[in-house]
Protein backbone atom coordinates (compact mmCIF):
# COMPACT_ATOMS: atom_id res chain seq x y z
CA MET A 1 32.04 171.91 15.32
CA GLY A 2 32.81 171.62 11.65
CA ALA A 3 31.43 169.35 8.88
CA ILE A 4 32.91 165.67 8.54
CA THR A 5 33.96 164.51 5.21
CA PRO A 6 33.77 160.96 5.16
CA LYS A 7 35.89 158.37 3.29
CA ILE A 8 33.69 156.57 0.85
CA LEU A 9 34.78 152.85 0.81
CA GLU A 10 32.28 151.32 -1.45
CA THR A 11 29.01 152.62 -2.87
CA ARG A 12 26.32 150.15 -3.93
CA GLY A 13 22.99 150.67 -5.69
CA ALA A 14 20.32 150.26 -2.93
CA VAL A 15 16.81 148.96 -3.68
CA VAL A 16 14.55 151.70 -2.22
CA LYS A 17 12.79 150.49 0.82
CA LYS A 18 8.88 151.49 1.19
CA SER A 19 7.74 153.78 3.53
CA VAL A 20 4.49 154.10 5.32
CA ILE A 21 3.31 157.08 7.49
CA PHE A 22 0.34 156.13 9.77
CA ILE A 23 -1.96 157.38 12.43
CA ALA A 24 -3.57 155.25 14.93
CA GLU A 25 -6.16 156.53 17.43
CA ASP A 26 -7.10 155.48 21.14
CA VAL A 27 -3.86 153.44 21.30
CA SER A 28 -3.17 151.81 24.66
CA THR A 29 -0.41 149.70 26.22
CA GLY A 30 -0.33 146.31 24.62
CA ASP A 31 -2.13 147.37 21.41
CA THR A 32 -0.69 146.32 17.96
CA ILE A 33 -0.70 148.34 14.99
CA THR A 34 -0.39 145.86 11.62
CA LEU A 35 1.06 147.69 8.50
CA HIS A 36 -0.53 145.60 5.51
CA ASP A 37 1.41 147.62 3.17
CA LEU A 38 4.78 146.12 4.16
CA SER A 39 5.88 142.45 4.70
CA ALA A 40 8.45 143.29 7.16
CA ILE A 41 9.42 146.30 9.19
CA ASP A 42 13.12 147.39 8.92
CA GLY A 43 12.69 150.54 11.23
CA ALA A 44 9.77 152.48 12.95
CA ALA A 45 9.11 155.43 15.16
CA ALA A 46 5.75 156.37 16.51
CA LEU A 47 5.05 159.85 18.45
CA ASN A 48 2.33 160.66 20.78
CA ARG A 49 0.08 163.14 19.09
CA GLU A 50 -0.58 165.20 22.11
CA ASP A 51 2.79 166.24 23.15
CA GLY A 52 5.22 164.70 20.33
CA SER A 53 6.97 162.48 22.80
CA ALA A 54 8.41 159.18 21.39
CA VAL A 55 5.97 156.14 22.10
CA THR A 56 7.75 152.87 23.28
CA GLN A 57 7.07 150.11 20.73
CA THR A 58 8.47 146.69 19.70
CA VAL A 59 8.43 145.36 16.09
CA ALA A 60 7.98 142.01 14.55
CA THR A 61 7.47 141.33 11.11
CA ASN A 62 4.72 143.94 9.72
CA VAL A 63 3.32 144.46 13.52
CA ILE A 64 4.28 147.18 15.93
CA THR A 65 3.40 146.49 19.62
CA ILE A 66 2.91 149.54 21.97
CA GLY A 67 4.98 149.15 25.23
CA GLY A 68 5.18 151.73 27.97
CA SER A 69 2.35 152.98 29.93
CA TYR A 70 -0.21 154.36 27.60
CA SER A 71 -4.04 154.83 27.73
CA ASP A 72 -5.90 155.94 24.78
CA ILE A 73 -3.49 158.21 23.15
CA ASP A 74 -3.43 159.25 19.33
CA VAL A 75 -0.32 158.10 17.76
CA ILE A 76 1.44 159.30 14.56
CA GLY A 77 4.24 157.30 12.89
CA ILE A 78 6.55 156.18 9.86
CA ALA A 79 7.75 152.69 9.28
CA VAL A 80 10.25 151.47 6.58
CA GLY A 81 10.42 148.20 5.47
CA ASP A 82 9.81 145.48 2.47
CA SER A 83 6.65 145.87 0.42
CA GLU A 84 4.34 143.09 0.21
């Protein structure tokens, strides 16, 4: 496979979003992680620190809710969004 060269239709100066890298310990299903440094999360990823697997989550405003079936895991993650 080769590199694809895109056709640029328009370029705009973008406002840089704030990113937050976080660690949460002893996380279980249904727990929430509130990122006070952000007023709204545009995207987030969370990983189980033990095995590196993705952690199921949902996001609303600046709160990440853990889904799936987890019990007392440590999570590392990153979220990008608007600052307070």
